[in-house]
Amino acid sequence: MPIEDLPELLRPAIEKHRDRAEELGRAPDELVAELRERGAFSLFTPRELGGFEVPVAEALDFYARVARIDGPTAWLLWNFNLGFIAGWLPDEAVERIFTGGVPPLMANSGQPGLLTVTDGGYRLTGTWKIVSGAHAAEWYLLAGADPAAGPGFAGLRFCAVPRPDVTVQDTWDVVGMRASDSNSVTADDVFVPSFMTQSLFATHRTIGMPVVSLLYPGCAAVLIGMAEAAIDELIEVAAVKRGFDGIPLAEKDHVSVAVGRSLSQVAAARGLLLSTQQIFDRAGASATERERAAVRGAICHITETARTVLAAMYEAGSSEPLYRTSRLGRIHRDGMATAQAANLSTTQWTVPGRLALGQPSGWPFV
């Protein structure tokens, strides 16, 4: 099945369960099962392990299209699409994680816990906040830092930890992205064998680049899809809602201007992300630092654009988005919450900016 057909195949299940997901604070088990059966968590999983093994740009288009249906579902798909670890973790770890012919459901967090060296591996302790899909996960890819290795990223490793070794804490009490199940995960002196860990800077064995490059831009694709969803919903609202003067919103110039401007803004931001990522995908391991930094710039552009569009659609919707039952209101809350993610921070503008000025990027990896 071509991956471009997958979002529409998933639409009925996502639309059926998205209100229930909001109530529960997580994707219902039935929805997770449907997504898994359709292969939606296996975009980067190697074909020999049952996945699609798609280029990053193709995955970004998929995330954006799903986010146009439901943002929290797309966020879960982005966070759980870690199948590339099959070419990154040691072979012994891959054999342990990818069992039974079904790719695992794995959540991740880059916030480092405490990692200490011991015989045969490490001891991992810490609490990782905002781990999206925390309850649905079967495995966790958790960052840990060894203070003895020095400051910064020097001792940072990712540890593959099975669900029984951690505790999920219900800490996700929010009004935006409630359905993302971004709860906290705690590990208390958990032993992690050396072969179940990998350095942040280790390159993917077949792609030849740090895996952070495969994961990083997905959140931006989700956010721009949510901005598109806000436009879609405002158009629906404007067709039926009237102002105090009795004139439908769809006939008001300020609404048509807001929609027209937003359509162009979203199309430009989406196109920039996909085009810069396609250049990166084609170059692969030979991509220049500026080509990699261009993706960071596109991510920042999406953050700013999405915030502008979400606010414009909220304003154009009059009183409609104020209500908890409003789909437009929920998209606005979810989108603004998504834009707060560290990966989407516009402080990353410094990366392409410094390189253009002939300065070091200031990041250990781009």
Protein backbone atom coordinates (compact mmCIF):
# COMPACT_ATOMS: atom_id res chain seq x y z
CA MET A 1 0.00 0.00 0.00
CA PRO A 2 1.46 3.42 -0.94
CA ILE A 3 2.03 5.57 2.11
CA GLU A 4 0.29 8.52 0.44
CA ASP A 5 -2.98 6.59 0.69
CA LEU A 6 -2.61 5.92 4.40
CA PRO A 7 -3.97 9.17 5.94
CA GLU A 8 -7.34 8.81 4.24
CA LEU A 9 -7.52 5.12 5.15
CA LEU A 10 -6.95 6.13 8.77
CA ARG A 11 -9.39 9.04 8.73
CA PRO A 12 -12.53 7.09 9.80
CA ALA A 13 -10.83 5.59 12.85
CA ILE A 14 -9.17 8.88 13.85
CA GLU A 15 -12.39 10.88 13.54
CA LYS A 16 -14.31 8.18 15.41
CA HIS A 17 -11.99 8.25 18.40
CA ARG A 18 -10.61 11.79 18.62
CA ASP A 19 -13.29 13.11 21.02
CA ARG A 20 -12.88 10.06 23.23
CA ALA A 21 -9.10 10.60 23.17
CA GLU A 22 -9.64 14.14 24.44
CA GLU A 23 -11.75 12.81 27.30
CA LEU A 24 -9.29 10.06 28.22
CA GLY A 25 -6.16 12.13 27.78
CA ARG A 26 -4.71 9.45 25.51
CA ALA A 27 -5.49 7.57 22.31
CA PRO A 28 -8.02 4.77 22.98
CA ASP A 29 -6.63 1.26 22.66
CA GLU A 30 -8.83 0.63 19.61
CA LEU A 31 -7.29 3.57 17.77
CA VAL A 32 -3.74 2.56 18.68
CA ALA A 33 -4.45 -0.96 17.42
CA GLU A 34 -5.82 0.39 14.13
CA LEU A 35 -2.85 2.67 13.61
CA ARG A 36 -0.47 -0.19 14.33
CA GLU A 37 -2.26 -2.65 12.05
CA ARG A 38 -2.12 -0.17 9.17
CA GLY A 39 1.63 0.34 9.70
CA ALA A 40 1.36 3.98 10.76
CA PHE A 41 4.06 3.48 13.41
CA SER A 42 6.44 1.85 10.93
CA LEU A 43 7.37 4.64 8.52
CA PHE A 44 11.12 4.37 9.25
CA THR A 45 11.16 0.68 10.12
CA PRO A 46 13.27 -1.34 7.64
CA ARG A 47 11.29 -3.29 5.05
CA GLU A 48 12.79 -6.57 6.24
CA LEU A 49 11.19 -5.88 9.64
CA GLY A 50 7.79 -5.08 8.15
CA GLY A 51 8.08 -1.32 7.74
CA PHE A 52 7.86 1.26 4.94
CA GLU A 53 11.45 2.60 5.26
CA VAL A 54 10.50 5.96 3.73
CA PRO A 55 12.64 9.09 3.28
CA VAL A 56 12.11 11.74 5.95
CA ALA A 57 10.36 14.19 3.60
CA GLU A 58 7.77 11.53 2.77
CA ALA A 59 7.13 10.96 6.47
CA LEU A 60 6.75 14.71 7.02
CA ASP A 61 4.05 14.90 4.37
CA PHE A 62 2.28 11.99 6.08
CA TYR A 63 2.42 13.63 9.53
CA ALA A 64 1.06 16.91 8.18
CA ARG A 65 -1.84 15.18 6.45
CA VAL A 66 -2.76 13.21 9.57
CA ALA A 67 -2.48 16.37 11.71
CA ARG A 68 -5.02 18.00 9.42
CA ILE A 69 -7.41 15.28 10.66
CA ASP A 70 -6.24 15.35 14.28
CA GLY A 71 -3.14 16.91 15.79
CA PRO A 72 -2.67 14.71 18.87
CA THR A 73 -2.91 11.55 16.76
CA ALA A 74 -0.25 12.86 14.39
CA TRP A 75 1.92 13.82 17.37
CA LEU A 76 1.69 10.27 18.69
CA LEU A 77 2.64 8.88 15.28
CA TRP A 78 5.64 11.18 15.08
CA ASN A 79 6.86 10.26 18.57
CA PHE A 80 6.36 6.53 18.04
CA ASN A 81 7.99 6.32 14.61
CA LEU A 82 11.37 5.21 15.92
CA GLY A 83 11.85 2.23 13.62
CA PHE A 84 15.13 3.73 12.45
CA ILE A 85 16.69 2.45 15.68
CA ALA A 86 16.97 -0.90 13.87
CA GLY A 87 19.92 0.65 12.04
CA TRP A 88 21.25 2.54 15.04
CA LEU A 89 21.15 0.42 18.17
CA PRO A 90 23.48 -2.61 18.39
CA ASP A 91 22.21 -5.75 16.66
CA GLU A 92 21.61 -7.55 19.96
CA ALA A 93 19.28 -4.76 21.07
CA VAL A 94 17.40 -4.88 17.78
CA GLU A 95 16.85 -8.62 18.16
CA ARG A 96 15.46 -8.09 21.65
CA ILE A 97 13.15 -5.19 20.74
CA PHE A 98 11.85 -6.28 17.34
CA THR A 99 10.28 -9.61 18.26
CA GLY A 100 7.21 -11.46 17.03
CA GLY A 101 7.17 -9.74 13.65
CA VAL A 102 5.43 -6.65 15.07
CA PRO A 103 7.37 -3.37 15.33
CA PRO A 104 7.36 -2.12 18.95
CA LEU A 105 5.49 0.89 20.30
CA MET A 106 8.31 3.03 21.66
CA ALA A 107 8.10 6.47 23.29
CA ASN A 108 11.12 8.71 23.72
CA SER A 109 12.52 11.57 25.74
CA GLY A 110 15.73 13.52 25.23
CA GLN A 111 15.64 15.10 28.70
CA PRO A 112 18.57 13.37 30.43
CA GLY A 113 18.30 11.31 33.57
CA LEU A 114 21.27 10.11 35.63
CA LEU A 115 23.40 7.41 34.04
CA THR A 116 26.17 5.68 35.99
CA VAL A 117 28.57 3.04 34.71
CA THR A 118 28.37 -0.45 36.21
CA ASP A 119 29.53 -3.94 35.26
CA GLY A 120 28.05 -4.87 31.89
CA GLY A 121 26.21 -1.61 31.38
CA TYR A 122 24.66 1.30 33.23
CA ARG A 123 22.26 2.18 36.03
CA LEU A 124 19.56 4.62 34.96
CA THR A 125 17.62 6.86 37.34
CA GLY A 126 15.37 9.81 36.71
CA THR A 127 11.99 11.24 35.80
CA TRP A 128 11.31 12.19 32.20
CA LYS A 129 8.52 14.72 31.75
CA ILE A 130 6.23 15.10 28.73
CA VAL A 131 6.77 11.62 27.28
CA SER A 132 4.08 11.53 24.61
CA GLY A 133 2.21 8.26 24.34
CA ALA A 134 3.50 7.25 27.78
CA HIS A 135 0.71 4.78 28.57
CA ALA A 136 0.62 3.12 25.15
CA ALA A 137 4.36 2.51 24.93
CA GLU A 138 5.88 -0.96 25.26
CA TRP A 139 9.43 0.39 25.24
CA TYR A 140 11.02 3.74 26.09
CA LEU A 141 14.07 5.34 24.54
CA LEU A 142 15.28 7.49 27.44
CA ALA A 143 18.28 9.78 27.54
CA GLY A 144 20.76 9.47 30.34
CA ALA A 145 23.90 11.47 31.10
CA ASP A 146 26.98 10.30 33.00
CA PRO A 147 28.34 13.29 34.98
CA ALA A 148 31.78 11.68 35.05
CA ALA A 149 31.98 12.04 31.26
CA GLY A 150 32.02 15.83 31.45
CA PRO A 151 29.57 18.70 30.91
CA GLY A 152 27.11 19.21 28.08
CA PHE A 153 26.37 16.35 25.69
CA ALA A 154 29.62 14.46 26.32
CA GLY A 155 28.15 11.59 28.33
CA LEU A 156 24.67 11.51 26.79
CA ARG A 157 23.37 8.10 25.76
CA PHE A 158 19.94 6.79 24.89
CA CYS A 159 18.73 3.72 26.73
CA ALA A 160 16.12 1.26 25.44
CA VAL A 161 14.06 0.31 28.48
CA PRO A 162 11.04 -2.07 28.53
CA ARG A 163 7.74 -0.98 30.06
CA PRO A 164 8.01 -3.19 33.22
CA ASP A 165 11.18 -1.34 34.25
CA VAL A 166 9.55 2.08 34.53
CA THR A 167 6.57 3.75 36.19
CA VAL A 168 4.20 6.03 34.29
CA GLN A 169 2.94 8.94 36.39
CA ASP A 170 -0.29 10.75 35.47
CA THR A 171 1.04 14.31 35.41
CA TRP A 172 -0.44 15.56 32.11
CA ASP A 173 -3.12 17.94 33.44
CA VAL A 174 -3.40 20.41 30.55
CA VAL A 175 -5.89 22.16 28.26
CA GLY A 176 -3.88 21.86 25.03
CA MET A 177 -2.76 18.54 23.46
CA ARG A 178 -4.52 16.69 26.27
CA ALA A 179 -4.98 13.61 24.06
CA SER A 180 -1.22 13.26 23.48
CA ASP A 181 -0.78 11.34 26.77
CA SER A 182 2.42 13.27 27.48
CA ASN A 183 2.83 12.01 31.03
CA SER A 184 5.97 11.48 33.11
CA VAL A 185 8.05 8.29 33.21
CA THR A 186 10.23 7.34 36.18
CA ALA A 187 13.11 4.85 36.39
CA ASP A 188 14.69 3.99 39.74
CA ASP A 189 18.20 2.55 39.47
CA VAL A 190 17.29 0.41 36.44
CA PHE A 191 20.05 -1.75 34.99
CA VAL A 192 20.51 -1.21 31.25
CA PRO A 193 22.96 -3.54 29.44
CA SER A 194 25.56 -1.75 27.33
CA PHE A 195 24.12 -3.21 24.12
CA MET A 196 20.75 -1.59 24.90
CA THR A 197 22.28 1.89 24.76
CA GLN A 198 23.70 4.13 22.09
CA SER A 199 25.52 7.47 21.97
CA LEU A 200 23.54 10.47 20.80
CA PHE A 201 26.20 11.09 18.17
CA ALA A 202 26.33 7.57 16.74
CA THR A 203 25.44 7.58 13.05
CA HIS A 204 22.82 5.38 11.47
CA ARG A 205 24.53 2.35 9.95
CA THR A 206 22.84 2.59 6.55
CA ILE A 207 21.98 6.27 6.27
CA GLY A 208 25.24 7.53 7.72
CA MET A 209 23.91 10.48 9.74
CA PRO A 210 22.91 11.12 13.37
CA VAL A 211 19.41 9.78 13.99
CA VAL A 212 18.33 13.10 15.49
CA SER A 213 18.15 14.29 11.88
CA LEU A 214 15.51 11.64 11.18
CA LEU A 215 13.35 12.56 14.17
CA TYR A 216 13.71 16.30 14.63
CA PRO A 217 11.57 17.87 11.85
CA GLY A 218 8.49 15.68 12.41
CA CYS A 219 7.04 17.98 15.06
CA ALA A 220 7.04 20.87 12.59
CA ALA A 221 5.08 18.83 10.07
CA VAL A 222 2.49 18.07 12.73
CA LEU A 223 2.19 21.74 13.65
CA ILE A 224 1.72 22.98 10.09
CA GLY A 225 -0.94 20.30 9.54
CA MET A 226 -2.77 21.65 12.59
CA ALA A 227 -2.65 25.16 11.13
CA GLU A 228 -4.21 23.76 7.95
CA ALA A 229 -6.90 22.12 10.08
CA ALA A 230 -7.69 25.48 11.70
CA ILE A 231 -8.30 27.00 8.28
CA ASP A 232 -10.50 24.08 7.28
CA GLU A 233 -12.57 24.43 10.43
CA LEU A 234 -12.91 28.21 10.15
CA ILE A 235 -14.27 27.76 6.63
CA GLU A 236 -16.88 25.34 8.02
CA VAL A 237 -17.79 27.77 10.82
CA ALA A 238 -17.99 30.76 8.48
CA ALA A 239 -20.51 28.98 6.27
CA VAL A 240 -23.11 28.78 9.07
CA LYS A 241 -22.26 31.42 11.67
CA ARG A 242 -23.63 34.96 11.32
CA GLY A 243 -22.46 38.19 12.84
CA PHE A 244 -24.62 40.55 14.91
CA ASP A 245 -25.70 42.13 11.64
CA GLY A 246 -27.07 38.83 10.39
CA ILE A 247 -24.49 38.54 7.61
CA PRO A 248 -22.70 35.15 7.37
CA LEU A 249 -19.02 35.29 8.34
CA ALA A 250 -18.17 33.83 4.94
CA GLU A 251 -19.41 37.05 3.30
CA LYS A 252 -17.31 39.38 5.44
CA ASP A 253 -14.17 40.84 3.91
CA HIS A 254 -12.03 40.57 7.05
CA VAL A 255 -12.75 36.82 7.16
CA SER A 256 -11.93 36.25 3.49
CA VAL A 257 -8.71 38.23 3.90
CA ALA A 258 -7.73 36.16 6.95
CA VAL A 259 -8.42 32.90 5.13
CA GLY A 260 -6.66 33.96 1.94
CA ARG A 261 -3.58 35.17 3.76
CA SER A 262 -3.45 32.07 5.96
CA LEU A 263 -3.75 29.69 3.02
CA SER A 264 -0.71 31.30 1.39
CA GLN A 265 1.26 31.41 4.63
CA VAL A 266 0.66 27.74 5.38
CA ALA A 267 1.41 26.62 1.83
CA ALA A 268 4.70 28.53 1.84
CA ALA A 269 5.80 27.19 5.23
CA ARG A 270 4.86 23.62 4.37
CA GLY A 271 6.63 23.85 1.03
CA LEU A 272 9.79 25.21 2.62
CA LEU A 273 9.97 22.36 5.13
CA LEU A 274 9.43 19.68 2.49
CA SER A 275 11.83 21.20 -0.04
CA THR A 276 14.68 21.67 2.43
CA GLN A 277 14.17 18.16 3.79
CA GLN A 278 14.12 16.68 0.28
CA ILE A 279 17.51 18.30 -0.39
CA PHE A 280 18.78 16.81 2.87
CA ASP A 281 17.34 13.38 2.00
CA ARG A 282 19.01 13.35 -1.42
CA ALA A 283 22.37 14.40 0.02
CA GLY A 284 22.21 11.93 2.92
CA ALA A 285 25.46 11.64 4.81
CA SER A 286 27.13 14.11 2.43
CA ALA A 287 24.71 16.92 3.31
CA THR A 288 26.49 20.14 4.15
CA GLU A 289 26.05 21.86 7.49
CA ARG A 290 24.12 24.65 5.74
CA GLU A 291 21.77 22.15 4.11
CA ARG A 292 21.07 20.59 7.48
CA ALA A 293 20.67 24.02 9.09
CA ALA A 294 18.14 24.99 6.42
CA VAL A 295 15.78 22.40 7.87
CA ARG A 296 16.17 24.04 11.30
CA GLY A 297 15.29 27.36 9.73
CA ALA A 298 12.20 25.84 8.11
CA ILE A 299 11.14 24.46 11.49
CA CYS A 300 11.36 27.94 13.05
CA HIS A 301 9.41 29.42 10.13
CA ILE A 302 6.64 26.89 10.70
CA THR A 303 6.46 27.76 14.40
CA GLU A 304 5.98 31.44 13.69
CA THR A 305 3.61 30.85 10.78
CA ALA A 306 1.43 28.36 12.66
CA ARG A 307 1.04 30.66 15.65
CA THR A 308 0.00 33.50 13.35
CA VAL A 309 -2.49 31.37 11.44
CA LEU A 310 -3.98 29.75 14.54
CA ALA A 311 -4.53 33.16 16.12
CA ALA A 312 -6.04 34.56 12.91
CA MET A 313 -8.51 31.70 12.57
CA TYR A 314 -9.46 31.97 16.25
CA GLU A 315 -10.13 35.68 15.85
CA ALA A 316 -12.10 35.22 12.61
CA GLY A 317 -14.27 32.58 14.31
CA SER A 318 -15.90 35.19 16.55
CA SER A 319 -17.37 33.55 19.68
CA GLU A 320 -17.35 30.02 18.22
CA PRO A 321 -13.90 28.89 19.48
CA LEU A 322 -14.63 29.98 23.05
CA TYR A 323 -16.66 26.87 23.75
CA ARG A 324 -15.12 23.60 24.91
CA THR A 325 -17.22 21.75 22.35
CA SER A 326 -15.81 23.84 19.50
CA ARG A 327 -13.55 21.96 17.12
CA LEU A 328 -11.90 25.25 16.12
CA GLY A 329 -11.25 26.06 19.77
CA ARG A 330 -9.64 22.68 20.37
CA ILE A 331 -7.41 22.98 17.31
CA HIS A 332 -6.28 26.40 18.55
CA ARG A 333 -5.51 25.07 22.05
CA ASP A 334 -3.71 22.02 20.69
CA GLY A 335 -1.75 23.99 18.12
CA MET A 336 -0.58 26.65 20.54
CA ALA A 337 0.47 23.94 23.00
CA THR A 338 2.38 22.14 20.25
CA ALA A 339 4.23 25.33 19.31
CA GLN A 340 5.65 25.41 22.86
CA ALA A 341 7.69 22.24 22.22
CA ALA A 342 11.43 22.69 22.66
CA ASN A 343 12.09 21.21 19.22
CA LEU A 344 10.03 24.02 17.69
CA SER A 345 11.75 26.84 19.57
CA THR A 346 12.60 29.78 17.33
CA THR A 347 15.92 30.14 19.17
CA GLN A 348 17.09 27.72 16.46
CA TRP A 349 17.15 30.63 14.01
CA THR A 350 20.67 31.17 15.35
CA VAL A 351 21.88 27.99 13.60
CA PRO A 352 21.38 29.05 9.94
CA GLY A 353 22.07 32.66 10.94
CA ARG A 354 25.48 31.97 12.45
CA LEU A 355 26.51 29.78 9.54
CA ALA A 356 25.51 32.46 7.03
CA LEU A 357 27.66 34.93 8.97
CA GLY A 358 30.65 32.61 8.83
CA GLN A 359 30.40 31.64 12.49
CA PRO A 360 30.19 28.19 14.14
CA SER A 361 26.60 27.02 14.46
CA GLY A 362 26.86 26.76 18.24
CA TRP A 363 25.27 23.30 18.26
CA PRO A 364 27.08 19.98 18.68
CA PHE A 365 24.92 18.66 15.85
CA VAL A 366 22.64 20.39 13.38
